[in-house]
C-alpha cells in the first residue's frame, strides 16, 4: 500500500501532536507531519486545520503566517480539509468573540457565545464553557459518518458555538440550545469537538477522513 501524506498545519494554536498520534494510530499507511511549511502542506494528500484558544489570536496567526492562503489553496485543489475546534470556527464568516472577529468566510455562518442562564431538559443550570461529552446527531449522509451511529458521543471544550446554515450542518448537538457540531461543504469538513479525544467514535471519524477523497 502506497504511503500518503497528511499535513497538520502548525501556526502555534493547538495541541497538534495528540491529533498526529491519533492519525498515526488509525492510518498507519499515512506519513503524518506537523508543519508550517507551505510547500509541504501544498503537497500533502490531506490537510488538518486545528485550533484552540481565542479566535482573535488564532486569526491573527492565521493571517500573519499566511495560513489563510494555504487553506484557500487546499480548498481549490479539492484535497480533503478537516477543521477541528477553533479551526472549524475560523472557517465561518465571523465570530462574536473578542468584540467581533472576521474569519475566513468559507461558510456563511457566525460564531456566538453560549449565553448565561442555560439550563438542561430538567431545568438544571449548565456551565460555560461546554466541557465534556455530548451527543452528536447526524443531519446528512456523509462519508465521514461511516460506521458512526447518529447520537454518538464526542468530547467538547468551548464557550462559543457555530450557527451555520442547515445546508452546511452535517451534525448537531444540544447544550441549552442546538448548535452545529459538524459542518461540511465540498471537500471541507469540520468539527467543533475534538475527535482525537473522543475515543472510538472520534478515531473512526479520523480514519474516515484519511480514507475520504474529498468528494460527496
Protein backbone atom coordinates (compact mmCIF):
# COMPACT_ATOMS: atom_id res chain seq x y z
CA UNK A 1 0.00 0.00 0.00
CA UNK A 2 1.43 3.36 -1.00
CA UNK A 3 2.17 5.95 1.65
CA UNK A 4 0.09 9.11 1.61
CA UNK A 5 0.95 12.30 3.45
CA UNK A 6 -1.24 14.20 5.88
CA UNK A 7 -0.21 17.68 6.99
CA UNK A 8 -1.37 19.20 10.27
CA UNK A 9 -0.98 22.97 9.97
CA UNK A 10 1.17 24.34 12.78
CA UNK A 11 0.54 28.02 13.42
CA UNK A 12 1.10 27.86 17.17
CA UNK A 13 -2.55 27.39 18.22
CA UNK A 14 -3.36 23.77 19.05
CA UNK A 15 -2.39 20.51 20.71
CA UNK A 16 -1.15 19.19 17.41
CA UNK A 17 0.75 16.11 18.48
CA UNK A 18 -2.30 14.41 20.00
CA UNK A 19 -4.01 14.77 16.63
CA UNK A 20 -0.91 13.42 14.89
CA UNK A 21 -0.74 10.38 17.20
CA UNK A 22 -4.42 9.64 16.62
CA UNK A 23 -3.97 9.75 12.84
CA UNK A 24 -0.90 7.52 13.02
CA UNK A 25 -2.95 5.04 15.05
CA UNK A 26 -5.88 4.79 12.64
CA UNK A 27 -3.95 5.23 9.37
CA UNK A 28 -0.53 3.56 9.55
CA UNK A 29 -0.20 3.93 5.78
CA UNK A 30 -0.03 7.72 6.19
CA UNK A 31 3.04 9.83 6.77
CA UNK A 32 1.87 12.46 9.27
CA UNK A 33 3.71 15.76 9.56
CA UNK A 34 3.07 18.74 11.82
CA UNK A 35 4.34 21.70 9.86
CA UNK A 36 4.09 25.35 8.92
CA UNK A 37 5.94 24.78 5.64
CA UNK A 38 3.64 25.88 2.82
CA UNK A 39 5.25 23.59 0.26
CA UNK A 40 4.85 20.51 2.46
CA UNK A 41 1.23 21.40 3.17
CA UNK A 42 0.63 22.04 -0.51
CA UNK A 43 1.99 18.64 -1.47
CA UNK A 44 0.07 16.73 1.21
CA UNK A 45 -2.85 14.49 0.27
CA UNK A 46 -4.95 15.51 3.30
CA UNK A 47 -4.76 18.64 5.47
CA UNK A 48 -5.96 19.37 9.01
CA UNK A 49 -6.55 22.89 10.37
CA UNK A 50 -6.58 22.69 14.20
CA UNK A 51 -7.11 25.45 16.72
CA UNK A 52 -7.62 26.18 20.40
CA UNK A 53 -7.88 29.41 22.37
CA UNK A 54 -9.30 32.80 21.47
CA UNK A 55 -10.42 33.28 17.87
CA UNK A 56 -8.78 36.72 17.59
CA UNK A 57 -5.38 35.25 18.43
CA UNK A 58 -5.94 32.33 16.06
CA UNK A 59 -6.99 34.56 13.18
CA UNK A 60 -4.04 36.90 13.79
CA UNK A 61 -1.63 33.97 13.49
CA UNK A 62 -3.51 32.50 10.53
CA UNK A 63 -3.14 35.75 8.61
CA UNK A 64 0.38 36.58 9.77
CA UNK A 65 1.66 33.15 8.78
CA UNK A 66 -0.43 33.13 5.56
CA UNK A 67 -2.31 30.05 6.64
CA UNK A 68 -5.38 31.67 5.07
CA UNK A 69 -3.80 31.36 1.62
CA UNK A 70 -2.74 27.77 2.35
CA UNK A 71 -6.31 26.88 3.33
CA UNK A 72 -7.66 28.59 0.22
CA UNK A 73 -5.23 26.68 -1.99
CA UNK A 74 -6.16 23.39 -0.31
CA UNK A 75 -9.86 24.03 -0.87
CA UNK A 76 -9.30 24.98 -4.50
CA UNK A 77 -7.21 21.85 -5.07
CA UNK A 78 -10.08 19.60 -3.99
CA UNK A 79 -7.98 17.86 -1.36
CA UNK A 80 -9.76 16.87 1.87
CA UNK A 81 -9.51 19.53 4.59
CA UNK A 82 -10.56 18.92 8.20
CA UNK A 83 -11.03 21.78 10.68
CA UNK A 84 -11.03 20.98 14.41
CA UNK A 85 -12.48 23.11 17.24
CA UNK A 86 -11.40 26.74 16.67
CA UNK A 87 -10.15 25.51 13.30
CA UNK A 88 -13.80 24.92 12.47
CA UNK A 89 -14.88 28.32 13.79
CA UNK A 90 -12.18 30.01 11.70
CA UNK A 91 -13.81 28.64 8.54
CA UNK A 92 -17.03 30.57 9.18
CA UNK A 93 -17.79 34.19 8.31
CA UNK A 94 -17.23 35.82 11.70
CA UNK A 95 -17.19 35.34 15.45
CA UNK A 96 -18.71 37.43 18.23
CA UNK A 97 -15.67 36.64 20.39
CA UNK A 98 -13.29 39.49 21.29
CA UNK A 99 -15.91 42.12 20.34
CA UNK A 100 -16.18 40.68 16.84
CA UNK A 101 -13.60 38.93 14.68
CA UNK A 102 -13.65 38.41 10.92
CA UNK A 103 -12.92 34.81 9.97
CA UNK A 104 -12.13 33.06 6.68
CA UNK A 105 -15.70 33.11 5.32
CA UNK A 106 -15.67 29.67 3.71
CA UNK A 107 -19.07 29.04 5.34
CA UNK A 108 -21.95 31.50 5.61
CA UNK A 109 -22.43 31.40 9.36
CA UNK A 110 -21.40 33.08 12.59
CA UNK A 111 -19.92 32.01 15.90
CA UNK A 112 -21.83 33.08 19.01
CA UNK A 113 -21.23 32.78 22.75
CA UNK A 114 -23.25 30.48 24.95
CA UNK A 115 -25.45 32.80 26.98
CA UNK A 116 -25.68 32.84 30.75
CA UNK A 117 -28.60 31.06 32.34
CA UNK A 118 -28.55 27.97 30.11
CA UNK A 119 -30.47 25.03 31.54
CA UNK A 120 -30.79 21.38 30.57
CA UNK A 121 -34.00 19.46 29.89
CA UNK A 122 -34.57 19.06 33.63
CA UNK A 123 -34.16 22.78 34.23
CA UNK A 124 -30.75 22.40 35.88
CA UNK A 125 -28.11 25.05 35.15
CA UNK A 126 -25.46 24.36 32.54
CA UNK A 127 -21.91 25.59 32.96
CA UNK A 128 -19.98 27.54 30.35
CA UNK A 129 -17.64 26.52 28.83
CA UNK A 130 -19.38 23.46 27.46
CA UNK A 131 -16.82 20.89 28.56
CA UNK A 132 -17.16 17.13 28.32
CA UNK A 133 -19.07 14.52 26.39
CA UNK A 134 -22.17 15.25 24.35
CA UNK A 135 -24.27 13.50 21.73
CA UNK A 136 -23.93 14.49 18.08
CA UNK A 137 -26.86 13.77 15.78
CA UNK A 138 -26.40 13.09 12.09
CA UNK A 139 -28.05 15.60 9.74
CA UNK A 140 -26.69 14.40 6.40
CA UNK A 141 -25.31 11.21 4.91
CA UNK A 142 -21.58 11.96 4.61
CA UNK A 143 -18.52 9.71 4.15
CA UNK A 144 -17.09 10.90 7.48
CA UNK A 145 -20.13 9.40 9.25
CA UNK A 146 -19.20 5.90 8.02
CA UNK A 147 -19.53 3.32 10.84
CA UNK A 148 -20.53 6.00 13.37
CA UNK A 149 -24.02 5.88 14.81
CA UNK A 150 -26.08 9.04 14.96
CA UNK A 151 -26.18 10.17 18.57
CA UNK A 152 -22.64 9.02 19.32
CA UNK A 153 -20.82 11.00 21.99
CA UNK A 154 -17.83 13.23 21.33
CA UNK A 155 -15.66 15.40 23.57
CA UNK A 156 -16.20 19.18 23.55
CA UNK A 157 -14.39 22.14 25.13
CA UNK A 158 -15.79 25.51 24.00
CA UNK A 159 -17.59 28.67 25.12
CA UNK A 160 -18.58 29.75 21.59
CA UNK A 161 -20.59 27.77 19.06
CA UNK A 162 -21.34 27.87 15.36
CA UNK A 163 -24.68 28.93 13.93
CA UNK A 164 -24.23 27.59 10.42
CA UNK A 165 -26.91 27.27 7.77
CA UNK A 166 -28.76 23.98 7.75
CA UNK A 167 -27.35 23.35 4.27
CA UNK A 168 -23.87 23.13 5.81
CA UNK A 169 -24.66 21.26 9.02
CA UNK A 170 -23.52 17.63 8.98
CA UNK A 171 -24.17 17.06 12.67
CA UNK A 172 -25.75 18.96 15.52
CA UNK A 173 -25.58 18.86 19.28
CA UNK A 174 -27.59 20.43 22.08
CA UNK A 175 -26.36 22.43 25.06
CA UNK A 176 -29.10 24.75 26.21
CA UNK A 177 -29.83 25.27 22.53
CA UNK A 178 -28.99 23.41 19.33
CA UNK A 179 -25.72 24.22 17.59
CA UNK A 180 -23.70 22.97 14.65
CA UNK A 181 -21.21 20.35 15.85
CA UNK A 182 -20.08 19.34 12.36
CA UNK A 183 -20.14 21.37 9.15
CA UNK A 184 -19.26 20.47 5.58
CA UNK A 185 -19.08 21.79 2.03
CA UNK A 186 -17.45 20.16 -0.98
CA UNK A 187 -14.01 18.95 0.19
CA UNK A 188 -14.20 20.69 3.59
CA UNK A 189 -15.33 19.04 6.81
CA UNK A 190 -15.01 20.46 10.30
CA UNK A 191 -15.89 19.52 13.86
CA UNK A 192 -16.46 21.63 16.95
CA UNK A 193 -15.49 18.69 19.15
CA UNK A 194 -12.05 17.08 19.42
CA UNK A 195 -12.11 13.76 17.54
CA UNK A 196 -8.63 12.91 18.84
CA UNK A 197 -10.07 12.96 22.40
CA UNK A 198 -13.34 11.21 21.55
CA UNK A 199 -12.29 7.56 21.86
CA UNK A 200 -13.76 5.09 19.37
CA UNK A 201 -16.18 7.39 17.56
CA UNK A 202 -13.55 10.09 17.20
CA UNK A 203 -10.92 7.68 15.96
CA UNK A 204 -13.41 6.29 13.44
CA UNK A 205 -14.08 9.80 12.16
CA UNK A 206 -10.35 10.44 11.73
CA UNK A 207 -9.98 7.12 9.95
CA UNK A 208 -12.88 8.06 7.67
CA UNK A 209 -11.17 11.37 6.92
CA UNK A 210 -7.96 9.64 5.81
CA UNK A 211 -10.00 7.39 3.52
CA UNK A 212 -12.07 10.26 2.06
CA UNK A 213 -11.17 11.62 -1.37
CA UNK A 214 -12.89 14.97 -0.78
CA UNK A 215 -15.93 14.16 -2.88
CA UNK A 216 -19.54 13.77 -1.74
